Amino acid sequence: MTTTTGPTSHANMRGNSRDRFARRQYLLDTFGNGVTAPCWECCTNVGHTTMVVDRIVPGIDGGRYVRSNIRVHCHNCSNLQGYALGMGANRIGN
């Protein structure tokens, strides 16, 4: 029996590389011009290599990578959001 005490991979949740590419292309086509799309938070244009697929309902709350629950995010805004969520989790635990 193995026990994981650290962070785990979300690879199964995200799907394979073809799934992830198709998801990013859907966002580019739906919210942009097929090549770039604006970050929902700061409006910075991002493309395939600079986009972070953001879940509206986070995974910890049961959110999945489905079209009705994803939006375009840039790396900077995603990092800031992750930091803010982490700080909130830390405050709750104290």
PDB file of N, CA and C in Angstrom:
ATOM      1  N   MET A   1       0.837  -1.177   0.000  1.00  0.00           N
ATOM      2  CA  MET A   1       0.000   0.000   0.000  1.00  0.00           C
ATOM      3  C   MET A   1       0.888   1.247   0.000  1.00  0.00           C
ATOM      4  N   THR A   2       0.584   2.191  -0.899  1.00  0.00           N
ATOM      5  CA  THR A   2       1.338   3.433  -0.940  1.00  0.00           C
ATOM      6  C   THR A   2       0.444   4.572  -0.492  1.00  0.00           C
ATOM      7  N   THR A   3       1.040   5.476   0.227  1.00  0.00           N
ATOM      8  CA  THR A   3       0.316   6.637   0.714  1.00  0.00           C
ATOM      9  C   THR A   3       0.986   7.884   0.175  1.00  0.00           C
ATOM     10  N   THR A   4       0.194   8.776  -0.366  1.00  0.00           N
ATOM     11  CA  THR A   4       0.721  10.029  -0.876  1.00  0.00           C
ATOM     12  C   THR A   4       0.472  11.117   0.151  1.00  0.00           C
ATOM     13  N   THR A   5       1.536  11.806   0.536  1.00  0.00           N
ATOM     14  CA  THR A   5       1.377  12.871   1.511  1.00  0.00           C
ATOM     15  C   THR A   5       1.586  14.239   0.890  1.00  0.00           C
ATOM     16  N   GLY A   6       2.174  14.301  -0.299  1.00  0.00           N
ATOM     17  CA  GLY A   6       2.450  15.571  -0.954  1.00  0.00           C
ATOM     18  C   GLY A   6       1.451  15.846  -2.058  1.00  0.00           C
ATOM     19  N   PRO A   7       1.766  16.834  -2.881  1.00  0.00           N
ATOM     20  CA  PRO A   7       0.889  17.189  -3.995  1.00  0.00           C
ATOM     21  C   PRO A   7       0.742  16.008  -4.959  1.00  0.00           C
ATOM     22  N   THR A   8      -0.406  15.910  -5.576  1.00  0.00           N
ATOM     23  CA  THR A   8      -0.645  14.838  -6.524  1.00  0.00           C
ATOM     24  C   THR A   8      -0.833  15.412  -7.914  1.00  0.00           C
ATOM     25  N   SER A   9      -0.670  14.584  -8.910  1.00  0.00           N
ATOM     26  CA  SER A   9      -0.842  14.995 -10.296  1.00  0.00           C
ATOM     27  C   SER A   9      -2.321  15.026 -10.641  1.00  0.00           C
ATOM     28  N   HIS A  10      -2.692  16.008 -11.419  1.00  0.00           N
ATOM     29  CA  HIS A  10      -4.068  16.112 -11.892  1.00  0.00           C
ATOM     30  C   HIS A  10      -4.157  15.720 -13.358  1.00  0.00           C
ATOM     31  N   ALA A  11      -3.203  14.923 -13.826  1.00  0.00           N
ATOM     32  CA  ALA A  11      -3.135  14.546 -15.227  1.00  0.00           C
ATOM     33  C   ALA A  11      -4.399  13.836 -15.694  1.00  0.00           C
ATOM     34  N   ASN A  12      -4.948  12.959 -14.888  1.00  0.00           N
ATOM     35  CA  ASN A  12      -6.163  12.258 -15.289  1.00  0.00           C
ATOM     36  C   ASN A  12      -7.331  13.216 -15.450  1.00  0.00           C
ATOM     37  N   MET A  13      -7.394  14.217 -14.603  1.00  0.00           N
ATOM     38  CA  MET A  13      -8.466  15.194 -14.662  1.00  0.00           C
ATOM     39  C   MET A  13      -8.330  16.081 -15.902  1.00  0.00           C
ATOM     40  N   ARG A  14      -7.103  16.458 -16.235  1.00  0.00           N
ATOM     41  CA  ARG A  14      -6.848  17.353 -17.366  1.00  0.00           C
ATOM     42  C   ARG A  14      -6.944  16.639 -18.694  1.00  0.00           C
ATOM     43  N   GLY A  15      -6.718  15.348 -18.732  1.00  0.00           N
ATOM     44  CA  GLY A  15      -6.731  14.603 -19.979  1.00  0.00           C
ATOM     45  C   GLY A  15      -5.354  14.556 -20.609  1.00  0.00           C
ATOM     46  N   ASN A  16      -5.287  13.942 -21.786  1.00  0.00           N
ATOM     47  CA  ASN A  16      -3.999  13.818 -22.471  1.00  0.00           C
ATOM     48  C   ASN A  16      -3.690  15.100 -23.251  1.00  0.00           C
ATOM     49  N   SER A  17      -2.550  15.137 -23.911  1.00  0.00           N
ATOM     50  CA  SER A  17      -2.118  16.351 -24.603  1.00  0.00           C
ATOM     51  C   SER A  17      -3.098  16.757 -25.703  1.00  0.00           C
ATOM     52  N   ARG A  18      -3.700  15.798 -26.366  1.00  0.00           N
ATOM     53  CA  ARG A  18      -4.688  16.108 -27.410  1.00  0.00           C
ATOM     54  C   ARG A  18      -5.924  16.778 -26.805  1.00  0.00           C
ATOM     55  N   ASP A  19      -6.370  16.288 -25.651  1.00  0.00           N
ATOM     56  CA  ASP A  19      -7.507  16.897 -24.950  1.00  0.00           C
ATOM     57  C   ASP A  19      -7.189  18.328 -24.528  1.00  0.00           C
ATOM     58  N   ARG A  20      -5.998  18.536 -23.983  1.00  0.00           N
ATOM     59  CA  ARG A  20      -5.612  19.863 -23.520  1.00  0.00           C
ATOM     60  C   ARG A  20      -5.480  20.838 -24.684  1.00  0.00           C
ATOM     61  N   PHE A  21      -4.923  20.382 -25.814  1.00  0.00           N
ATOM     62  CA  PHE A  21      -4.809  21.230 -26.995  1.00  0.00           C
ATOM     63  C   PHE A  21      -6.199  21.614 -27.501  1.00  0.00           C
ATOM     64  N   ALA A  22      -7.096  20.649 -27.586  1.00  0.00           N
ATOM     65  CA  ALA A  22      -8.455  20.912 -28.061  1.00  0.00           C
ATOM     66  C   ALA A  22      -9.179  21.891 -27.136  1.00  0.00           C
ATOM     67  N   ARG A  23      -8.958  21.773 -25.840  1.00  0.00           N
ATOM     68  CA  ARG A  23      -9.585  22.673 -24.872  1.00  0.00           C
ATOM     69  C   ARG A  23      -9.087  24.098 -25.065  1.00  0.00           C
ATOM     70  N   ARG A  24      -7.763  24.256 -25.237  1.00  0.00           N
ATOM     71  CA  ARG A  24      -7.211  25.594 -25.467  1.00  0.00           C
ATOM     72  C   ARG A  24      -7.713  26.164 -26.792  1.00  0.00           C
ATOM     73  N   GLN A  25      -7.787  25.324 -27.829  1.00  0.00           N
ATOM     74  CA  GLN A  25      -8.267  25.804 -29.128  1.00  0.00           C
ATOM     75  C   GLN A  25      -9.730  26.223 -29.044  1.00  0.00           C
ATOM     76  N   TYR A  26     -10.535  25.492 -28.306  1.00  0.00           N
ATOM     77  CA  TYR A  26     -11.937  25.878 -28.097  1.00  0.00           C
ATOM     78  C   TYR A  26     -12.018  27.280 -27.485  1.00  0.00           C
ATOM     79  N   LEU A  27     -11.201  27.543 -26.453  1.00  0.00           N
ATOM     80  CA  LEU A  27     -11.210  28.854 -25.816  1.00  0.00           C
ATOM     81  C   LEU A  27     -10.743  29.940 -26.775  1.00  0.00           C
ATOM     82  N   LEU A  28      -9.706  29.659 -27.563  1.00  0.00           N
ATOM     83  CA  LEU A  28      -9.216  30.638 -28.534  1.00  0.00           C
ATOM     84  C   LEU A  28     -10.274  30.939 -29.587  1.00  0.00           C
ATOM     85  N   ASP A  29     -10.971  29.926 -30.045  1.00  0.00           N
ATOM     86  CA  ASP A  29     -12.015  30.113 -31.055  1.00  0.00           C
ATOM     87  C   ASP A  29     -13.234  30.828 -30.479  1.00  0.00           C
ATOM     88  N   THR A  30     -13.612  30.489 -29.276  1.00  0.00           N
ATOM     89  CA  THR A  30     -14.829  31.023 -28.670  1.00  0.00           C
ATOM     90  C   THR A  30     -14.659  32.446 -28.151  1.00  0.00           C
ATOM     91  N   PHE A  31     -13.538  32.722 -27.500  1.00  0.00           N
ATOM     92  CA  PHE A  31     -13.346  34.021 -26.859  1.00  0.00           C
ATOM     93  C   PHE A  31     -12.344  34.919 -27.571  1.00  0.00           C
ATOM     94  N   GLY A  32     -11.712  34.397 -28.615  1.00  0.00           N
ATOM     95  CA  GLY A  32     -10.721  35.182 -29.347  1.00  0.00           C
ATOM     96  C   GLY A  32     -10.899  35.037 -30.839  1.00  0.00           C
ATOM     97  N   ASN A  33      -9.792  35.137 -31.540  1.00  0.00           N
ATOM     98  CA  ASN A  33      -9.815  35.073 -33.001  1.00  0.00           C
ATOM     99  C   ASN A  33      -9.276  33.757 -33.541  1.00  0.00           C
ATOM    100  N   GLY A  34      -9.150  32.758 -32.706  1.00  0.00           N
ATOM    101  CA  GLY A  34      -8.620  31.465 -33.114  1.00  0.00           C
ATOM    102  C   GLY A  34      -7.132  31.315 -32.865  1.00  0.00           C
ATOM    103  N   VAL A  35      -6.439  32.448 -32.685  1.00  0.00           N
ATOM    104  CA  VAL A  35      -4.996  32.423 -32.434  1.00  0.00           C
ATOM    105  C   VAL A  35      -4.686  32.989 -31.054  1.00  0.00           C
ATOM    106  N   THR A  36      -5.355  34.066 -30.691  1.00  0.00           N
ATOM    107  CA  THR A  36      -5.194  34.668 -29.372  1.00  0.00           C
ATOM    108  C   THR A  36      -6.565  34.955 -28.774  1.00  0.00           C
ATOM    109  N   ALA A  37      -6.584  35.103 -27.460  1.00  0.00           N
ATOM    110  CA  ALA A  37      -7.810  35.466 -26.745  1.00  0.00           C
ATOM    111  C   ALA A  37      -7.397  36.260 -25.516  1.00  0.00           C
ATOM    112  N   PRO A  38      -8.254  37.164 -25.041  1.00  0.00           N
ATOM    113  CA  PRO A  38      -7.899  37.954 -23.857  1.00  0.00           C
ATOM    114  C   PRO A  38      -8.115  37.180 -22.564  1.00  0.00           C
ATOM    115  N   CYS A  39      -7.223  37.407 -21.619  1.00  0.00           N
ATOM    116  CA  CYS A  39      -7.393  36.874 -20.262  1.00  0.00           C
ATOM    117  C   CYS A  39      -8.683  37.461 -19.711  1.00  0.00           C
ATOM    118  N   TRP A  40      -9.485  36.651 -19.058  1.00  0.00           N
ATOM    119  CA  TRP A  40     -10.769  37.141 -18.544  1.00  0.00           C
ATOM    120  C   TRP A  40     -10.594  38.176 -17.446  1.00  0.00           C
ATOM    121  N   GLU A  41      -9.412  38.197 -16.829  1.00  0.00           N
ATOM    122  CA  GLU A  41      -9.202  39.082 -15.690  1.00  0.00           C
ATOM    123  C   GLU A  41      -8.506  40.383 -16.075  1.00  0.00           C
ATOM    124  N   CYS A  42      -7.422  40.317 -16.848  1.00  0.00           N
ATOM    125  CA  CYS A  42      -6.640  41.524 -17.149  1.00  0.00           C
ATOM    126  C   CYS A  42      -6.653  41.903 -18.626  1.00  0.00           C
ATOM    127  N   CYS A  43      -7.269  41.075 -19.459  1.00  0.00           N
ATOM    128  CA  CYS A  43      -7.407  41.316 -20.905  1.00  0.00           C
ATOM    129  C   CYS A  43      -6.104  41.215 -21.701  1.00  0.00           C
ATOM    130  N   THR A  44      -5.045  40.683 -21.106  1.00  0.00           N
ATOM    131  CA  THR A  44      -3.813  40.425 -21.845  1.00  0.00           C
ATOM    132  C   THR A  44      -4.086  39.316 -22.854  1.00  0.00           C
ATOM    133  N   ASN A  45      -3.671  39.517 -24.108  1.00  0.00           N
ATOM    134  CA  ASN A  45      -3.864  38.477 -25.116  1.00  0.00           C
ATOM    135  C   ASN A  45      -2.897  37.332 -24.888  1.00  0.00           C
ATOM    136  N   VAL A  46      -3.426  36.123 -24.914  1.00  0.00           N
ATOM    137  CA  VAL A  46      -2.622  34.912 -24.751  1.00  0.00           C
ATOM    138  C   VAL A  46      -2.914  33.958 -25.898  1.00  0.00           C
ATOM    139  N   GLY A  47      -1.990  33.051 -26.139  1.00  0.00           N
ATOM    140  CA  GLY A  47      -2.146  32.027 -27.166  1.00  0.00           C
ATOM    141  C   GLY A  47      -1.963  30.650 -26.568  1.00  0.00           C
ATOM    142  N   HIS A  48      -1.762  29.668 -27.439  1.00  0.00           N
ATOM    143  CA  HIS A  48      -1.629  28.280 -26.964  1.00  0.00           C
ATOM    144  C   HIS A  48      -0.541  28.117 -25.917  1.00  0.00           C
ATOM    145  N   THR A  49       0.608  28.736 -26.140  1.00  0.00           N
ATOM    146  CA  THR A  49       1.742  28.497 -25.242  1.00  0.00           C
ATOM    147  C   THR A  49       1.718  29.380 -24.001  1.00  0.00           C
ATOM    148  N   THR A  50       0.918  30.436 -24.005  1.00  0.00           N
ATOM    149  CA  THR A  50       0.897  31.353 -22.858  1.00  0.00           C
ATOM    150  C   THR A  50      -0.416  31.292 -22.084  1.00  0.00           C
ATOM    151  N   MET A  51      -1.342  30.471 -22.518  1.00  0.00           N
ATOM    152  CA  MET A  51      -2.656  30.384 -21.878  1.00  0.00           C
ATOM    153  C   MET A  51      -2.658  29.397 -20.718  1.00  0.00           C
ATOM    154  N   VAL A  52      -3.412  29.758 -19.687  1.00  0.00           N
ATOM    155  CA  VAL A  52      -3.741  28.842 -18.605  1.00  0.00           C
ATOM    156  C   VAL A  52      -5.247  28.649 -18.678  1.00  0.00           C
ATOM    157  N   VAL A  53      -5.695  27.408 -18.692  1.00  0.00           N
ATOM    158  CA  VAL A  53      -7.129  27.133 -18.696  1.00  0.00           C
ATOM    159  C   VAL A  53      -7.600  27.195 -17.251  1.00  0.00           C
ATOM    160  N   ASP A  54      -8.445  28.182 -16.969  1.00  0.00           N
ATOM    161  CA  ASP A  54      -8.928  28.415 -15.614  1.00  0.00           C
ATOM    162  C   ASP A  54     -10.306  27.793 -15.453  1.00  0.00           C
ATOM    163  N   ARG A  55     -10.496  27.087 -14.355  1.00  0.00           N
ATOM    164  CA  ARG A  55     -11.825  26.554 -14.044  1.00  0.00           C
ATOM    165  C   ARG A  55     -12.589  27.579 -13.217  1.00  0.00           C
ATOM    166  N   ILE A  56     -13.819  27.865 -13.615  1.00  0.00           N
ATOM    167  CA  ILE A  56     -14.657  28.820 -12.898  1.00  0.00           C
ATOM    168  C   ILE A  56     -14.955  28.274 -11.501  1.00  0.00           C
ATOM    169  N   VAL A  57     -15.426  27.053 -11.436  1.00  0.00           N
ATOM    170  CA  VAL A  57     -15.584  26.357 -10.157  1.00  0.00           C
ATOM    171  C   VAL A  57     -14.307  25.543  -9.966  1.00  0.00           C
ATOM    172  N   PRO A  58     -13.494  25.854  -8.959  1.00  0.00           N
ATOM    173  CA  PRO A  58     -12.207  25.172  -8.786  1.00  0.00           C
ATOM    174  C   PRO A  58     -12.359  23.671  -8.564  1.00  0.00           C
ATOM    175  N   GLY A  59     -11.311  22.960  -8.872  1.00  0.00           N
ATOM    176  CA  GLY A  59     -11.307  21.512  -8.706  1.00  0.00           C
ATOM    177  C   GLY A  59     -11.585  21.075  -7.280  1.00  0.00           C
ATOM    178  N   ILE A  60     -11.112  21.827  -6.326  1.00  0.00           N
ATOM    179  CA  ILE A  60     -11.326  21.467  -4.920  1.00  0.00           C
ATOM    180  C   ILE A  60     -12.802  21.510  -4.553  1.00  0.00           C
ATOM    181  N   ASP A  61     -13.587  22.278  -5.324  1.00  0.00           N
ATOM    182  CA  ASP A  61     -15.027  22.371  -5.101  1.00  0.00           C
ATOM    183  C   ASP A  61     -15.809  21.507  -6.086  1.00  0.00           C
ATOM    184  N   GLY A  62     -15.114  20.610  -6.794  1.00  0.00           N
ATOM    185  CA  GLY A  62     -15.781  19.704  -7.712  1.00  0.00           C
ATOM    186  C   GLY A  62     -15.828  20.175  -9.155  1.00  0.00           C
ATOM    187  N   GLY A  63     -15.194  21.307  -9.454  1.00  0.00           N
ATOM    188  CA  GLY A  63     -15.178  21.826 -10.820  1.00  0.00           C
ATOM    189  C   GLY A  63     -14.370  20.943 -11.750  1.00  0.00           C
ATOM    190  N   ARG A  64     -14.886  20.743 -12.946  1.00  0.00           N
ATOM    191  CA  ARG A  64     -14.211  19.893 -13.939  1.00  0.00           C
ATOM    192  C   ARG A  64     -13.808  20.714 -15.148  1.00  0.00           C
ATOM    193  N   TYR A  65     -12.959  20.136 -15.984  1.00  0.00           N
ATOM    194  CA  TYR A  65     -12.529  20.776 -17.212  1.00  0.00           C
ATOM    195  C   TYR A  65     -13.555  20.512 -18.307  1.00  0.00           C
ATOM    196  N   VAL A  66     -14.722  21.119 -18.196  1.00  0.00           N
ATOM    197  CA  VAL A  66     -15.763  21.023 -19.216  1.00  0.00           C
ATOM    198  C   VAL A  66     -15.988  22.426 -19.767  1.00  0.00           C
ATOM    199  N   ARG A  67     -16.514  22.509 -20.981  1.00  0.00           N
ATOM    200  CA  ARG A  67     -16.645  23.797 -21.662  1.00  0.00           C
ATOM    201  C   ARG A  67     -17.419  24.833 -20.868  1.00  0.00           C
ATOM    202  N   SER A  68     -18.394  24.411 -20.111  1.00  0.00           N
ATOM    203  CA  SER A  68     -19.190  25.372 -19.341  1.00  0.00           C
ATOM    204  C   SER A  68     -18.476  25.853 -18.072  1.00  0.00           C
ATOM    205  N   ASN A  69     -17.293  25.293 -17.782  1.00  0.00           N
ATOM    206  CA  ASN A  69     -16.600  25.642 -16.545  1.00  0.00           C
ATOM    207  C   ASN A  69     -15.167  26.119 -16.774  1.00  0.00           C
ATOM    208  N   ILE A  70     -14.819  26.499 -18.007  1.00  0.00           N
ATOM    209  CA  ILE A  70     -13.451  26.946 -18.275  1.00  0.00           C
ATOM    210  C   ILE A  70     -13.450  28.334 -18.901  1.00  0.00           C
ATOM    211  N   ARG A  71     -12.334  29.028 -18.696  1.00  0.00           N
ATOM    212  CA  ARG A  71     -12.156  30.353 -19.281  1.00  0.00           C
ATOM    213  C   ARG A  71     -10.664  30.613 -19.454  1.00  0.00           C
ATOM    214  N   VAL A  72     -10.350  31.646 -20.220  1.00  0.00           N
ATOM    215  CA  VAL A  72      -8.966  31.998 -20.558  1.00  0.00           C
ATOM    216  C   VAL A  72      -8.342  32.765 -19.403  1.00  0.00           C
ATOM    217  N   HIS A  73      -7.119  32.384 -19.055  1.00  0.00           N
ATOM    218  CA  HIS A  73      -6.367  33.064 -18.003  1.00  0.00           C
ATOM    219  C   HIS A  73      -4.923  33.197 -18.465  1.00  0.00           C
ATOM    220  N   CYS A  74      -4.258  34.282 -18.088  1.00  0.00           N
ATOM    221  CA  CYS A  74      -2.825  34.411 -18.358  1.00  0.00           C
ATOM    222  C   CYS A  74      -2.066  33.842 -17.159  1.00  0.00           C
ATOM    223  N   HIS A  75      -0.786  33.569 -17.333  1.00  0.00           N
ATOM    224  CA  HIS A  75       0.018  32.979 -16.254  1.00  0.00           C
ATOM    225  C   HIS A  75       0.066  33.877 -15.021  1.00  0.00           C
ATOM    226  N   ASN A  76       0.235  35.182 -15.232  1.00  0.00           N
ATOM    227  CA  ASN A  76       0.354  36.094 -14.098  1.00  0.00           C
ATOM    228  C   ASN A  76      -0.920  36.098 -13.250  1.00  0.00           C
ATOM    229  N   CYS A  77      -2.061  36.256 -13.889  1.00  0.00           N
ATOM    230  CA  CYS A  77      -3.324  36.276 -13.134  1.00  0.00           C
ATOM    231  C   CYS A  77      -3.593  34.924 -12.474  1.00  0.00           C
ATOM    232  N   SER A  78      -3.240  33.850 -13.150  1.00  0.00           N
ATOM    233  CA  SER A  78      -3.440  32.520 -12.588  1.00  0.00           C
ATOM    234  C   SER A  78      -2.589  32.323 -11.337  1.00  0.00           C
ATOM    235  N   ASN A  79      -1.335  32.780 -11.405  1.00  0.00           N
ATOM    236  CA  ASN A  79      -0.458  32.668 -10.232  1.00  0.00           C
ATOM    237  C   ASN A  79      -0.990  33.494  -9.067  1.00  0.00           C
ATOM    238  N   LEU A  80      -1.456  34.714  -9.358  1.00  0.00           N
ATOM    239  CA  LEU A  80      -2.008  35.556  -8.300  1.00  0.00           C
ATOM    240  C   LEU A  80      -3.260  34.935  -7.694  1.00  0.00           C
ATOM    241  N   GLN A  81      -4.105  34.359  -8.534  1.00  0.00           N
ATOM    242  CA  GLN A  81      -5.322  33.715  -8.048  1.00  0.00           C
ATOM    243  C   GLN A  81      -4.978  32.498  -7.185  1.00  0.00           C
ATOM    244  N   GLY A  82      -4.020  31.699  -7.632  1.00  0.00           N
ATOM    245  CA  GLY A  82      -3.602  30.533  -6.856  1.00  0.00           C
ATOM    246  C   GLY A  82      -3.028  30.929  -5.512  1.00  0.00           C
ATOM    247  N   TYR A  83      -2.243  32.001  -5.502  1.00  0.00           N
ATOM    248  CA  TYR A  83      -1.679  32.487  -4.248  1.00  0.00           C
ATOM    249  C   TYR A  83      -2.794  32.939  -3.309  1.00  0.00           C
ATOM    250  N   ALA A  84      -3.763  33.687  -3.843  1.00  0.00           N
ATOM    251  CA  ALA A  84      -4.877  34.174  -3.019  1.00  0.00           C
ATOM    252  C   ALA A  84      -5.697  33.016  -2.462  1.00  0.00           C
ATOM    253  N   LEU A  85      -5.954  31.995  -3.283  1.00  0.00           N
ATOM    254  CA  LEU A  85      -6.707  30.832  -2.809  1.00  0.00           C
ATOM    255  C   LEU A  85      -5.919  30.088  -1.724  1.00  0.00           C
ATOM    256  N   GLY A  86      -4.628  29.983  -1.913  1.00  0.00           N
ATOM    257  CA  GLY A  86      -3.781  29.314  -0.929  1.00  0.00           C
ATOM    258  C   GLY A  86      -3.739  30.055   0.386  1.00  0.00           C
ATOM    259  N   MET A  87      -3.686  31.380   0.318  1.00  0.00           N
ATOM    260  CA  MET A  87      -3.681  32.174   1.553  1.00  0.00           C
ATOM    261  C   MET A  87      -4.998  32.007   2.287  1.00  0.00           C
ATOM    262  N   GLY A  88      -6.099  31.960   1.550  1.00  0.00           N
ATOM    263  CA  GLY A  88      -7.399  31.751   2.181  1.00  0.00           C
ATOM    264  C   GLY A  88      -7.467  30.404   2.852  1.00  0.00           C
ATOM    265  N   ALA A  89      -6.918  29.379   2.211  1.00  0.00           N
ATOM    266  CA  ALA A  89      -6.919  28.035   2.794  1.00  0.00           C
ATOM    267  C   ALA A  89      -6.074  27.997   4.053  1.00  0.00           C
ATOM    268  N   ASN A  90      -4.943  28.711   4.037  1.00  0.00           N
ATOM    269  CA  ASN A  90      -4.079  28.737   5.214  1.00  0.00           C
ATOM    270  C   ASN A  90      -4.758  29.427   6.390  1.00  0.00           C
ATOM    271  N   ARG A  91      -5.494  30.505   6.100  1.00  0.00           N
ATOM    272  CA  ARG A  91      -6.162  31.231   7.181  1.00  0.00           C
ATOM    273  C   ARG A  91      -7.261  30.393   7.800  1.00  0.00           C
ATOM    274  N   ILE A  92      -7.954  29.605   6.989  1.00  0.00           N
ATOM    275  CA  ILE A  92      -9.037  28.775   7.504  1.00  0.00           C
ATOM    276  C   ILE A  92      -8.482  27.707   8.434  1.00  0.00           C
ATOM    277  N   GLY A  93      -7.320  27.154   8.070  1.00  0.00           N
ATOM    278  CA  GLY A  93      -6.735  26.082   8.865  1.00  0.00           C
ATOM    279  C   GLY A  93      -6.144  26.539  10.187  1.00  0.00           C
ATOM    280  N   ASN A  94      -5.903  27.833  10.360  1.00  0.00           N
ATOM    281  CA  ASN A  94      -5.278  28.326  11.599  1.00  0.00           C
ATOM    282  C   ASN A  94      -6.277  28.668  12.653  1.00  0.00           C
TER     283      ASN A  94
END
